[in-house]
Amino acid sequence: MLTTGFVQHGQGGPVAAQYCCADSENGDHVDDPSEDALVMLISDLNDADNTFVVIQPDKDEPAWFAFVAVLDERGNEVVRRDTNRREHDVSVETAIGRIASDLTKWLAARTS
């Protein structure tokens, strides 16, 4: 299981993501995912038991999210939704590096 992104402060325990988190169906969790972390999460997707990863703010009722789902051997469906900006985009991509790069840029433009 991939779990990363926690920062220890003083004597307290882990601190949650400051911006967003990525969670996959198999339980992998990454706080404030980097482009490399997104590549790893998306690369681990399969059509059996780990079919999607969702990235969203680490708070209740997030205004935006991104979702990547495996489409058998035809690539990945990528959904980006931001209710504040009235954006809803769905595409099919095959290059994992490009998906991660595009998502990283899209995420950088979001406000939580």
PDB file of N, CA and C in Angstrom:
ATOM      1  N   MET A   1       0.837  -1.173   0.000  1.00  0.00           N
ATOM      2  CA  MET A   1       0.000   0.000   0.000  1.00  0.00           C
ATOM      3  C   MET A   1       0.882   1.237   0.000  1.00  0.00           C
ATOM      4  N   LEU A   2       0.574   2.175  -0.862  1.00  0.00           N
ATOM      5  CA  LEU A   2       1.308   3.428  -0.964  1.00  0.00           C
ATOM      6  C   LEU A   2       0.628   4.458  -0.082  1.00  0.00           C
ATOM      7  N   THR A   3       1.322   4.945   0.911  1.00  0.00           N
ATOM      8  CA  THR A   3       0.816   6.014   1.769  1.00  0.00           C
ATOM      9  C   THR A   3       1.962   6.963   2.017  1.00  0.00           C
ATOM     10  N   THR A   4       1.788   8.206   1.638  1.00  0.00           N
ATOM     11  CA  THR A   4       2.868   9.161   1.765  1.00  0.00           C
ATOM     12  C   THR A   4       2.301  10.556   1.935  1.00  0.00           C
ATOM     13  N   GLY A   5       3.165  11.511   2.153  1.00  0.00           N
ATOM     14  CA  GLY A   5       2.736  12.889   2.191  1.00  0.00           C
ATOM     15  C   GLY A   5       2.459  13.430   3.578  1.00  0.00           C
ATOM     16  N   PHE A   6       2.613  12.643   4.619  1.00  0.00           N
ATOM     17  CA  PHE A   6       2.389  13.144   5.962  1.00  0.00           C
ATOM     18  C   PHE A   6       3.631  13.837   6.481  1.00  0.00           C
ATOM     19  N   VAL A   7       3.434  14.911   7.227  1.00  0.00           N
ATOM     20  CA  VAL A   7       4.530  15.677   7.802  1.00  0.00           C
ATOM     21  C   VAL A   7       4.369  15.643   9.311  1.00  0.00           C
ATOM     22  N   GLN A   8       5.444  15.333  10.012  1.00  0.00           N
ATOM     23  CA  GLN A   8       5.409  15.331  11.469  1.00  0.00           C
ATOM     24  C   GLN A   8       5.751  16.724  11.971  1.00  0.00           C
ATOM     25  N   HIS A   9       4.958  17.244  12.897  1.00  0.00           N
ATOM     26  CA  HIS A   9       5.213  18.543  13.499  1.00  0.00           C
ATOM     27  C   HIS A   9       5.333  18.370  15.001  1.00  0.00           C
ATOM     28  N   GLY A  10       6.500  18.679  15.535  1.00  0.00           N
ATOM     29  CA  GLY A  10       6.712  18.594  16.980  1.00  0.00           C
ATOM     30  C   GLY A  10       6.352  17.230  17.523  1.00  0.00           C
ATOM     31  N   GLN A  11       5.571  17.210  18.597  1.00  0.00           N
ATOM     32  CA  GLN A  11       5.199  15.952  19.222  1.00  0.00           C
ATOM     33  C   GLN A  11       3.869  15.428  18.715  1.00  0.00           C
ATOM     34  N   GLY A  12       3.194  16.191  17.866  1.00  0.00           N
ATOM     35  CA  GLY A  12       1.897  15.771  17.345  1.00  0.00           C
ATOM     36  C   GLY A  12       2.038  14.648  16.332  1.00  0.00           C
ATOM     37  N   GLY A  13       0.931  14.122  15.927  1.00  0.00           N
ATOM     38  CA  GLY A  13       0.910  13.041  14.948  1.00  0.00           C
ATOM     39  C   GLY A  13       0.950  13.582  13.532  1.00  0.00           C
ATOM     40  N   PRO A  14       0.614  12.728  12.570  1.00  0.00           N
ATOM     41  CA  PRO A  14       0.637  13.137  11.177  1.00  0.00           C
ATOM     42  C   PRO A  14      -0.353  14.270  10.914  1.00  0.00           C
ATOM     43  N   VAL A  15      -0.021  15.116   9.968  1.00  0.00           N
ATOM     44  CA  VAL A  15      -0.882  16.211   9.562  1.00  0.00           C
ATOM     45  C   VAL A  15      -1.463  15.856   8.201  1.00  0.00           C
ATOM     46  N   ALA A  16      -2.748  16.063   8.012  1.00  0.00           N
ATOM     47  CA  ALA A  16      -3.398  15.725   6.750  1.00  0.00           C
ATOM     48  C   ALA A  16      -2.896  16.623   5.625  1.00  0.00           C
ATOM     49  N   ALA A  17      -3.281  16.282   4.415  1.00  0.00           N
ATOM     50  CA  ALA A  17      -2.886  17.054   3.242  1.00  0.00           C
ATOM     51  C   ALA A  17      -3.265  18.507   3.405  1.00  0.00           C
ATOM     52  N   GLN A  18      -2.406  19.382   2.935  1.00  0.00           N
ATOM     53  CA  GLN A  18      -2.708  20.798   2.995  1.00  0.00           C
ATOM     54  C   GLN A  18      -3.531  21.235   1.795  1.00  0.00           C
ATOM     55  N   TYR A  19      -3.468  20.473   0.708  1.00  0.00           N
ATOM     56  CA  TYR A  19      -4.124  20.892  -0.520  1.00  0.00           C
ATOM     57  C   TYR A  19      -5.130  19.860  -1.012  1.00  0.00           C
ATOM     58  N   CYS A  20      -4.646  18.690  -1.359  1.00  0.00           N
ATOM     59  CA  CYS A  20      -5.528  17.659  -1.882  1.00  0.00           C
ATOM     60  C   CYS A  20      -4.933  16.283  -1.593  1.00  0.00           C
ATOM     61  N   CYS A  21      -5.697  15.260  -1.922  1.00  0.00           N
ATOM     62  CA  CYS A  21      -5.190  13.906  -1.764  1.00  0.00           C
ATOM     63  C   CYS A  21      -5.662  13.057  -2.935  1.00  0.00           C
ATOM     64  N   ALA A  22      -4.939  11.992  -3.169  1.00  0.00           N
ATOM     65  CA  ALA A  22      -5.274  11.038  -4.227  1.00  0.00           C
ATOM     66  C   ALA A  22      -5.508   9.686  -3.575  1.00  0.00           C
ATOM     67  N   ASP A  23      -6.613   9.059  -3.938  1.00  0.00           N
ATOM     68  CA  ASP A  23      -6.966   7.748  -3.399  1.00  0.00           C
ATOM     69  C   ASP A  23      -7.335   6.820  -4.539  1.00  0.00           C
ATOM     70  N   SER A  24      -6.779   5.619  -4.511  1.00  0.00           N
ATOM     71  CA  SER A  24      -7.127   4.636  -5.524  1.00  0.00           C
ATOM     72  C   SER A  24      -8.039   3.581  -4.915  1.00  0.00           C
ATOM     73  N   GLU A  25      -8.682   2.833  -5.781  1.00  0.00           N
ATOM     74  CA  GLU A  25      -9.640   1.820  -5.344  1.00  0.00           C
ATOM     75  C   GLU A  25      -9.009   0.789  -4.412  1.00  0.00           C
ATOM     76  N   ASN A  26      -7.735   0.487  -4.608  1.00  0.00           N
ATOM     77  CA  ASN A  26      -7.089  -0.542  -3.784  1.00  0.00           C
ATOM     78  C   ASN A  26      -6.616  -0.022  -2.430  1.00  0.00           C
ATOM     79  N   GLY A  27      -6.897   1.236  -2.119  1.00  0.00           N
ATOM     80  CA  GLY A  27      -6.553   1.784  -0.813  1.00  0.00           C
ATOM     81  C   GLY A  27      -5.293   2.621  -0.773  1.00  0.00           C
ATOM     82  N   ASP A  28      -4.574   2.742  -1.874  1.00  0.00           N
ATOM     83  CA  ASP A  28      -3.399   3.617  -1.894  1.00  0.00           C
ATOM     84  C   ASP A  28      -3.853   5.060  -1.671  1.00  0.00           C
ATOM     85  N   HIS A  29      -3.086   5.790  -0.887  1.00  0.00           N
ATOM     86  CA  HIS A  29      -3.429   7.168  -0.537  1.00  0.00           C
ATOM     87  C   HIS A  29      -2.168   8.019  -0.575  1.00  0.00           C
ATOM     88  N   VAL A  30      -2.252   9.173  -1.232  1.00  0.00           N
ATOM     89  CA  VAL A  30      -1.124  10.101  -1.299  1.00  0.00           C
ATOM     90  C   VAL A  30      -1.654  11.505  -1.014  1.00  0.00           C
ATOM     91  N   ASP A  31      -1.098  12.154  -0.010  1.00  0.00           N
ATOM     92  CA  ASP A  31      -1.426  13.543   0.273  1.00  0.00           C
ATOM     93  C   ASP A  31      -0.602  14.442  -0.637  1.00  0.00           C
ATOM     94  N   ASP A  32      -1.241  15.476  -1.168  1.00  0.00           N
ATOM     95  CA  ASP A  32      -0.577  16.438  -2.042  1.00  0.00           C
ATOM     96  C   ASP A  32       0.314  15.741  -3.075  1.00  0.00           C
ATOM     97  N   PRO A  33      -0.291  14.926  -3.970  1.00  0.00           N
ATOM     98  CA  PRO A  33       0.493  14.099  -4.888  1.00  0.00           C
ATOM     99  C   PRO A  33       1.307  14.906  -5.892  1.00  0.00           C
ATOM    100  N   SER A  34       2.531  14.475  -6.086  1.00  0.00           N
ATOM    101  CA  SER A  34       3.403  15.050  -7.111  1.00  0.00           C
ATOM    102  C   SER A  34       3.068  14.394  -8.446  1.00  0.00           C
ATOM    103  N   GLU A  35       3.646  14.901  -9.509  1.00  0.00           N
ATOM    104  CA  GLU A  35       3.452  14.294 -10.829  1.00  0.00           C
ATOM    105  C   GLU A  35       3.953  12.850 -10.817  1.00  0.00           C
ATOM    106  N   ASP A  36       5.097  12.602 -10.180  1.00  0.00           N
ATOM    107  CA  ASP A  36       5.628  11.239 -10.101  1.00  0.00           C
ATOM    108  C   ASP A  36       4.698  10.311  -9.330  1.00  0.00           C
ATOM    109  N   ALA A  37       4.096  10.812  -8.250  1.00  0.00           N
ATOM    110  CA  ALA A  37       3.154   9.994  -7.483  1.00  0.00           C
ATOM    111  C   ALA A  37       1.926   9.658  -8.323  1.00  0.00           C
ATOM    112  N   LEU A  38       1.458  10.630  -9.115  1.00  0.00           N
ATOM    113  CA  LEU A  38       0.321  10.364  -9.994  1.00  0.00           C
ATOM    114  C   LEU A  38       0.667   9.313 -11.043  1.00  0.00           C
ATOM    115  N   VAL A  39       1.874   9.385 -11.585  1.00  0.00           N
ATOM    116  CA  VAL A  39       2.319   8.366 -12.546  1.00  0.00           C
ATOM    117  C   VAL A  39       2.264   6.984 -11.898  1.00  0.00           C
ATOM    118  N   MET A  40       2.763   6.873 -10.672  1.00  0.00           N
ATOM    119  CA  MET A  40       2.741   5.576  -9.976  1.00  0.00           C
ATOM    120  C   MET A  40       1.316   5.097  -9.746  1.00  0.00           C
ATOM    121  N   LEU A  41       0.445   5.961  -9.252  1.00  0.00           N
ATOM    122  CA  LEU A  41      -0.940   5.568  -8.979  1.00  0.00           C
ATOM    123  C   LEU A  41      -1.663   5.135 -10.251  1.00  0.00           C
ATOM    124  N   ILE A  42      -1.488   5.890 -11.325  1.00  0.00           N
ATOM    125  CA  ILE A  42      -2.160   5.565 -12.587  1.00  0.00           C
ATOM    126  C   ILE A  42      -1.569   4.304 -13.203  1.00  0.00           C
ATOM    127  N   SER A  43      -0.258   4.126 -13.094  1.00  0.00           N
ATOM    128  CA  SER A  43       0.399   2.922 -13.630  1.00  0.00           C
ATOM    129  C   SER A  43      -0.086   1.660 -12.938  1.00  0.00           C
ATOM    130  N   ASP A  44      -0.476   1.785 -11.679  1.00  0.00           N
ATOM    131  CA  ASP A  44      -0.940   0.630 -10.909  1.00  0.00           C
ATOM    132  C   ASP A  44      -2.391   0.249 -11.188  1.00  0.00           C
ATOM    133  N   LEU A  45      -3.107   1.052 -11.984  1.00  0.00           N
ATOM    134  CA  LEU A  45      -4.497   0.727 -12.276  1.00  0.00           C
ATOM    135  C   LEU A  45      -4.588  -0.531 -13.136  1.00  0.00           C
ATOM    136  N   ASN A  46      -5.649  -1.305 -12.913  1.00  0.00           N
ATOM    137  CA  ASN A  46      -5.907  -2.504 -13.716  1.00  0.00           C
ATOM    138  C   ASN A  46      -7.416  -2.672 -13.844  1.00  0.00           C
ATOM    139  N   ASP A  47      -7.841  -3.621 -14.659  1.00  0.00           N
ATOM    140  CA  ASP A  47      -9.277  -3.794 -14.869  1.00  0.00           C
ATOM    141  C   ASP A  47      -9.885  -4.856 -13.953  1.00  0.00           C
ATOM    142  N   ALA A  48      -9.162  -5.244 -12.900  1.00  0.00           N
ATOM    143  CA  ALA A  48      -9.674  -6.263 -11.984  1.00  0.00           C
ATOM    144  C   ALA A  48     -10.085  -5.680 -10.635  1.00  0.00           C
ATOM    145  N   ASP A  49      -9.117  -5.142  -9.898  1.00  0.00           N
ATOM    146  CA  ASP A  49      -9.422  -4.721  -8.528  1.00  0.00           C
ATOM    147  C   ASP A  49      -8.873  -3.345  -8.158  1.00  0.00           C
ATOM    148  N   ASN A  50      -8.365  -2.610  -9.130  1.00  0.00           N
ATOM    149  CA  ASN A  50      -7.845  -1.265  -8.887  1.00  0.00           C
ATOM    150  C   ASN A  50      -8.134  -0.433 -10.133  1.00  0.00           C
ATOM    151  N   THR A  51      -9.400  -0.099 -10.318  1.00  0.00           N
ATOM    152  CA  THR A  51      -9.853   0.473 -11.585  1.00  0.00           C
ATOM    153  C   THR A  51      -9.851   1.990 -11.655  1.00  0.00           C
ATOM    154  N   PHE A  52      -9.642   2.671 -10.511  1.00  0.00           N
ATOM    155  CA  PHE A  52      -9.702   4.133 -10.561  1.00  0.00           C
ATOM    156  C   PHE A  52      -8.847   4.773  -9.480  1.00  0.00           C
ATOM    157  N   VAL A  53      -8.547   6.051  -9.705  1.00  0.00           N
ATOM    158  CA  VAL A  53      -7.921   6.922  -8.705  1.00  0.00           C
ATOM    159  C   VAL A  53      -8.656   8.261  -8.765  1.00  0.00           C
ATOM    160  N   VAL A  54      -8.928   8.829  -7.613  1.00  0.00           N
ATOM    161  CA  VAL A  54      -9.605  10.125  -7.536  1.00  0.00           C
ATOM    162  C   VAL A  54      -8.716  11.097  -6.774  1.00  0.00           C
ATOM    163  N   ILE A  55      -8.632  12.328  -7.283  1.00  0.00           N
ATOM    164  CA  ILE A  55      -7.848  13.381  -6.643  1.00  0.00           C
ATOM    165  C   ILE A  55      -8.821  14.517  -6.319  1.00  0.00           C
ATOM    166  N   GLN A  56      -8.819  14.942  -5.071  1.00  0.00           N
ATOM    167  CA  GLN A  56      -9.726  16.014  -4.659  1.00  0.00           C
ATOM    168  C   GLN A  56      -9.196  16.693  -3.418  1.00  0.00           C
ATOM    169  N   PRO A  57      -9.750  17.866  -3.086  1.00  0.00           N
ATOM    170  CA  PRO A  57      -9.320  18.539  -1.862  1.00  0.00           C
ATOM    171  C   PRO A  57      -9.586  17.662  -0.646  1.00  0.00           C
ATOM    172  N   ASP A  58      -8.737  17.811   0.342  1.00  0.00           N
ATOM    173  CA  ASP A  58      -8.871  17.047   1.581  1.00  0.00           C
ATOM    174  C   ASP A  58      -9.812  17.791   2.523  1.00  0.00           C
ATOM    175  N   LYS A  59     -11.098  17.854   2.126  1.00  0.00           N
ATOM    176  CA  LYS A  59     -12.103  18.506   2.952  1.00  0.00           C
ATOM    177  C   LYS A  59     -13.476  17.974   2.571  1.00  0.00           C
ATOM    178  N   ASP A  60     -14.464  18.269   3.407  1.00  0.00           N
ATOM    179  CA  ASP A  60     -15.834  17.848   3.138  1.00  0.00           C
ATOM    180  C   ASP A  60     -16.400  18.633   1.955  1.00  0.00           C
ATOM    181  N   GLU A  61     -17.207  17.972   1.154  1.00  0.00           N
ATOM    182  CA  GLU A  61     -17.892  18.581   0.015  1.00  0.00           C
ATOM    183  C   GLU A  61     -16.954  19.389  -0.887  1.00  0.00           C
ATOM    184  N   PRO A  62     -15.968  18.731  -1.487  1.00  0.00           N
ATOM    185  CA  PRO A  62     -15.024  19.445  -2.354  1.00  0.00           C
ATOM    186  C   PRO A  62     -15.718  20.018  -3.591  1.00  0.00           C
ATOM    187  N   ALA A  63     -15.263  21.183  -4.031  1.00  0.00           N
ATOM    188  CA  ALA A  63     -15.832  21.849  -5.200  1.00  0.00           C
ATOM    189  C   ALA A  63     -15.268  21.309  -6.506  1.00  0.00           C
ATOM    190  N   TRP A  64     -14.171  20.565  -6.434  1.00  0.00           N
ATOM    191  CA  TRP A  64     -13.561  20.032  -7.647  1.00  0.00           C
ATOM    192  C   TRP A  64     -12.986  18.649  -7.392  1.00  0.00           C
ATOM    193  N   PHE A  65     -12.787  17.903  -8.465  1.00  0.00           N
ATOM    194  CA  PHE A  65     -12.128  16.607  -8.389  1.00  0.00           C
ATOM    195  C   PHE A  65     -11.613  16.222  -9.767  1.00  0.00           C
ATOM    196  N   ALA A  66     -10.672  15.311  -9.772  1.00  0.00           N
ATOM    197  CA  ALA A  66     -10.201  14.671 -11.000  1.00  0.00           C
ATOM    198  C   ALA A  66     -10.269  13.175 -10.756  1.00  0.00           C
ATOM    199  N   PHE A  67     -10.596  12.430 -11.795  1.00  0.00           N
ATOM    200  CA  PHE A  67     -10.838  11.000 -11.683  1.00  0.00           C
ATOM    201  C   PHE A  67     -10.193  10.329 -12.886  1.00  0.00           C
ATOM    202  N   VAL A  68      -9.424   9.283 -12.650  1.00  0.00           N
ATOM    203  CA  VAL A  68      -8.828   8.515 -13.741  1.00  0.00           C
ATOM    204  C   VAL A  68      -9.275   7.071 -13.574  1.00  0.00           C
ATOM    205  N   ALA A  69      -9.871   6.506 -14.633  1.00  0.00           N
ATOM    206  CA  ALA A  69     -10.347   5.124 -14.600  1.00  0.00           C
ATOM    207  C   ALA A  69      -9.768   4.354 -15.778  1.00  0.00           C
ATOM    208  N   VAL A  70      -9.477   3.089 -15.543  1.00  0.00           N
ATOM    209  CA  VAL A  70      -8.925   2.246 -16.593  1.00  0.00           C
ATOM    210  C   VAL A  70     -10.048   1.824 -17.545  1.00  0.00           C
ATOM    211  N   LEU A  71      -9.745   1.815 -18.845  1.00  0.00           N
ATOM    212  CA  LEU A  71     -10.694   1.394 -19.871  1.00  0.00           C
ATOM    213  C   LEU A  71     -10.138   0.186 -20.603  1.00  0.00           C
ATOM    214  N   ASP A  72     -10.055  -0.931 -19.933  1.00  0.00           N
ATOM    215  CA  ASP A  72      -9.486  -2.150 -20.510  1.00  0.00           C
ATOM    216  C   ASP A  72      -8.167  -1.831 -21.199  1.00  0.00           C
ATOM    217  N   GLU A  73      -8.030  -2.202 -22.466  1.00  0.00           N
ATOM    218  CA  GLU A  73      -6.773  -1.958 -23.181  1.00  0.00           C
ATOM    219  C   GLU A  73      -6.839  -0.697 -24.027  1.00  0.00           C
ATOM    220  N   ARG A  74      -7.902   0.092 -23.875  1.00  0.00           N
ATOM    221  CA  ARG A  74      -8.076   1.286 -24.700  1.00  0.00           C
ATOM    222  C   ARG A  74      -7.551   2.539 -24.050  1.00  0.00           C
ATOM    223  N   GLY A  75      -6.926   2.436 -22.900  1.00  0.00           N
ATOM    224  CA  GLY A  75      -6.389   3.613 -22.234  1.00  0.00           C
ATOM    225  C   GLY A  75      -7.120   3.918 -20.948  1.00  0.00           C
ATOM    226  N   ASN A  76      -7.141   5.194 -20.601  1.00  0.00           N
ATOM    227  CA  ASN A  76      -7.751   5.646 -19.354  1.00  0.00           C
ATOM    228  C   ASN A  76      -8.729   6.778 -19.629  1.00  0.00           C
ATOM    229  N   GLU A  77      -9.855   6.738 -18.941  1.00  0.00           N
ATOM    230  CA  GLU A  77     -10.786   7.851 -18.980  1.00  0.00           C
ATOM    231  C   GLU A  77     -10.349   8.843 -17.914  1.00  0.00           C
ATOM    232  N   VAL A  78     -10.276  10.113 -18.293  1.00  0.00           N
ATOM    233  CA  VAL A  78      -9.869  11.163 -17.375  1.00  0.00           C
ATOM    234  C   VAL A  78     -11.029  12.159 -17.263  1.00  0.00           C
ATOM    235  N   VAL A  79     -11.493  12.368 -16.038  1.00  0.00           N
ATOM    236  CA  VAL A  79     -12.587  13.298 -15.782  1.00  0.00           C
ATOM    237  C   VAL A  79     -12.059  14.406 -14.889  1.00  0.00           C
ATOM    238  N   ARG A  80     -12.325  15.629 -15.291  1.00  0.00           N
ATOM    239  CA  ARG A  80     -11.977  16.804 -14.473  1.00  0.00           C
ATOM    240  C   ARG A  80     -13.258  17.609 -14.268  1.00  0.00           C
ATOM    241  N   ARG A  81     -13.559  17.893 -13.018  1.00  0.00           N
ATOM    242  CA  ARG A  81     -14.788  18.646 -12.719  1.00  0.00           C
ATOM    243  C   ARG A  81     -14.492  19.709 -11.672  1.00  0.00           C
ATOM    244  N   ASP A  82     -14.929  20.925 -11.956  1.00  0.00           N
ATOM    245  CA  ASP A  82     -14.775  22.036 -11.014  1.00  0.00           C
ATOM    246  C   ASP A  82     -16.084  22.815 -11.039  1.00  0.00           C
ATOM    247  N   THR A  83     -16.886  22.664  -9.987  1.00  0.00           N
ATOM    248  CA  THR A  83     -18.193  23.315  -9.957  1.00  0.00           C
ATOM    249  C   THR A  83     -18.076  24.829  -9.825  1.00  0.00           C
ATOM    250  N   ASN A  84     -17.033  25.320  -9.172  1.00  0.00           N
ATOM    251  CA  ASN A  84     -16.846  26.771  -9.046  1.00  0.00           C
ATOM    252  C   ASN A  84     -16.610  27.437 -10.395  1.00  0.00           C
ATOM    253  N   ARG A  85     -15.929  26.736 -11.273  1.00  0.00           N
ATOM    254  CA  ARG A  85     -15.604  27.290 -12.594  1.00  0.00           C
ATOM    255  C   ARG A  85     -16.507  26.746 -13.695  1.00  0.00           C
ATOM    256  N   ARG A  86     -17.470  25.934 -13.312  1.00  0.00           N
ATOM    257  CA  ARG A  86     -18.399  25.307 -14.262  1.00  0.00           C
ATOM    258  C   ARG A  86     -17.659  24.534 -15.344  1.00  0.00           C
ATOM    259  N   GLU A  87     -16.642  23.800 -14.927  1.00  0.00           N
ATOM    260  CA  GLU A  87     -15.860  22.972 -15.838  1.00  0.00           C
ATOM    261  C   GLU A  87     -16.227  21.512 -15.644  1.00  0.00           C
ATOM    262  N   HIS A  88     -16.371  20.806 -16.740  1.00  0.00           N
ATOM    263  CA  HIS A  88     -16.556  19.357 -16.708  1.00  0.00           C
ATOM    264  C   HIS A  88     -15.987  18.817 -18.010  1.00  0.00           C
ATOM    265  N   ASP A  89     -14.865  18.144 -17.911  1.00  0.00           N
ATOM    266  CA  ASP A  89     -14.152  17.644 -19.082  1.00  0.00           C
ATOM    267  C   ASP A  89     -13.935  16.150 -18.937  1.00  0.00           C
ATOM    268  N   VAL A  90     -14.237  15.408 -19.997  1.00  0.00           N
ATOM    269  CA  VAL A  90     -14.005  13.962 -20.024  1.00  0.00           C
ATOM    270  C   VAL A  90     -13.199  13.651 -21.274  1.00  0.00           C
ATOM    271  N   SER A  91     -12.110  12.903 -21.104  1.00  0.00           N
ATOM    272  CA  SER A  91     -11.283  12.524 -22.248  1.00  0.00           C
ATOM    273  C   SER A  91     -10.753  11.112 -22.057  1.00  0.00           C
ATOM    274  N   VAL A  92     -10.246  10.535 -23.135  1.00  0.00           N
ATOM    275  CA  VAL A  92      -9.593   9.233 -23.090  1.00  0.00           C
ATOM    276  C   VAL A  92      -8.149   9.445 -23.505  1.00  0.00           C
ATOM    277  N   GLU A  93      -7.239   8.990 -22.662  1.00  0.00           N
ATOM    278  CA  GLU A  93      -5.806   9.149 -22.900  1.00  0.00           C
ATOM    279  C   GLU A  93      -5.115   7.801 -22.757  1.00  0.00           C
ATOM    280  N   THR A  94      -4.015   7.617 -23.460  1.00  0.00           N
ATOM    281  CA  THR A  94      -3.252   6.374 -23.346  1.00  0.00           C
ATOM    282  C   THR A  94      -1.887   6.574 -22.701  1.00  0.00           C
ATOM    283  N   ALA A  95      -1.327   7.775 -22.770  1.00  0.00           N
ATOM    284  CA  ALA A  95       0.011   8.028 -22.246  1.00  0.00           C
ATOM    285  C   ALA A  95      -0.080   8.453 -20.775  1.00  0.00           C
ATOM    286  N   ILE A  96       0.356   7.584 -19.879  1.00  0.00           N
ATOM    287  CA  ILE A  96       0.262   7.844 -18.437  1.00  0.00           C
ATOM    288  C   ILE A  96       1.041   9.092 -18.041  1.00  0.00           C
ATOM    289  N   GLY A  97       2.224   9.282 -18.588  1.00  0.00           N
ATOM    290  CA  GLY A  97       3.012  10.472 -18.274  1.00  0.00           C
ATOM    291  C   GLY A  97       2.288  11.747 -18.653  1.00  0.00           C
ATOM    292  N   ARG A  98       1.611  11.718 -19.786  1.00  0.00           N
ATOM    293  CA  ARG A  98       0.853  12.898 -20.224  1.00  0.00           C
ATOM    294  C   ARG A  98      -0.341  13.150 -19.304  1.00  0.00           C
ATOM    295  N   ILE A  99      -1.029  12.080 -18.905  1.00  0.00           N
ATOM    296  CA  ILE A  99      -2.157  12.221 -17.977  1.00  0.00           C
ATOM    297  C   ILE A  99      -1.677  12.881 -16.689  1.00  0.00           C
ATOM    298  N   ALA A 100      -0.596  12.364 -16.122  1.00  0.00           N
ATOM    299  CA  ALA A 100      -0.069  12.902 -14.857  1.00  0.00           C
ATOM    300  C   ALA A 100       0.369  14.351 -15.015  1.00  0.00           C
ATOM    301  N   SER A 101       1.028  14.665 -16.117  1.00  0.00           N
ATOM    302  CA  SER A 101       1.485  16.028 -16.365  1.00  0.00           C
ATOM    303  C   SER A 101       0.295  16.981 -16.497  1.00  0.00           C
ATOM    304  N   ASP A 102      -0.692  16.596 -17.296  1.00  0.00           N
ATOM    305  CA  ASP A 102      -1.878  17.428 -17.484  1.00  0.00           C
ATOM    306  C   ASP A 102      -2.632  17.623 -16.170  1.00  0.00           C
ATOM    307  N   LEU A 103      -2.765  16.543 -15.376  1.00  0.00           N
ATOM    308  CA  LEU A 103      -3.453  16.657 -14.096  1.00  0.00           C
ATOM    309  C   LEU A 103      -2.697  17.558 -13.132  1.00  0.00           C
ATOM    310  N   THR A 104      -1.372  17.456 -13.131  1.00  0.00           N
ATOM    311  CA  THR A 104      -0.566  18.296 -12.249  1.00  0.00           C
ATOM    312  C   THR A 104      -0.790  19.769 -12.566  1.00  0.00           C
ATOM    313  N   LYS A 105      -0.833  20.105 -13.839  1.00  0.00           N
ATOM    314  CA  LYS A 105      -1.084  21.487 -14.248  1.00  0.00           C
ATOM    315  C   LYS A 105      -2.501  21.906 -13.876  1.00  0.00           C
ATOM    316  N   TRP A 106      -3.461  21.028 -14.102  1.00  0.00           N
ATOM    317  CA  TRP A 106      -4.853  21.336 -13.772  1.00  0.00           C
ATOM    318  C   TRP A 106      -5.019  21.534 -12.275  1.00  0.00           C
ATOM    319  N   LEU A 107      -4.391  20.648 -11.479  1.00  0.00           N
ATOM    320  CA  LEU A 107      -4.488  20.754 -10.031  1.00  0.00           C
ATOM    321  C   LEU A 107      -3.865  22.054  -9.515  1.00  0.00           C
ATOM    322  N   ALA A 108      -2.782  22.492 -10.139  1.00  0.00           N
ATOM    323  CA  ALA A 108      -2.101  23.714  -9.711  1.00  0.00           C
ATOM    324  C   ALA A 108      -3.000  24.939  -9.875  1.00  0.00           C
ATOM    325  N   ALA A 109      -3.961  24.865 -10.777  1.00  0.00           N
ATOM    326  CA  ALA A 109      -4.860  25.992 -11.024  1.00  0.00           C
ATOM    327  C   ALA A 109      -6.084  25.990 -10.115  1.00  0.00           C
ATOM    328  N   ARG A 110      -6.263  24.945  -9.320  1.00  0.00           N
ATOM    329  CA  ARG A 110      -7.439  24.844  -8.426  1.00  0.00           C
ATOM    330  C   ARG A 110      -7.164  25.584  -7.122  1.00  0.00           C
ATOM    331  N   THR A 111      -8.205  26.074  -6.539  1.00  0.00           N
ATOM    332  CA  THR A 111      -8.143  26.596  -5.182  1.00  0.00           C
ATOM    333  C   THR A 111      -9.038  25.723  -4.338  1.00  0.00           C
ATOM    334  N   SER A 112      -8.575  25.372  -3.167  1.00  0.00           N
ATOM    335  CA  SER A 112      -9.354  24.446  -2.337  1.00  0.00           C
ATOM    336  C   SER A 112     -10.383  25.160  -1.512  1.00  0.00           C
TER     337      SER A 112
END
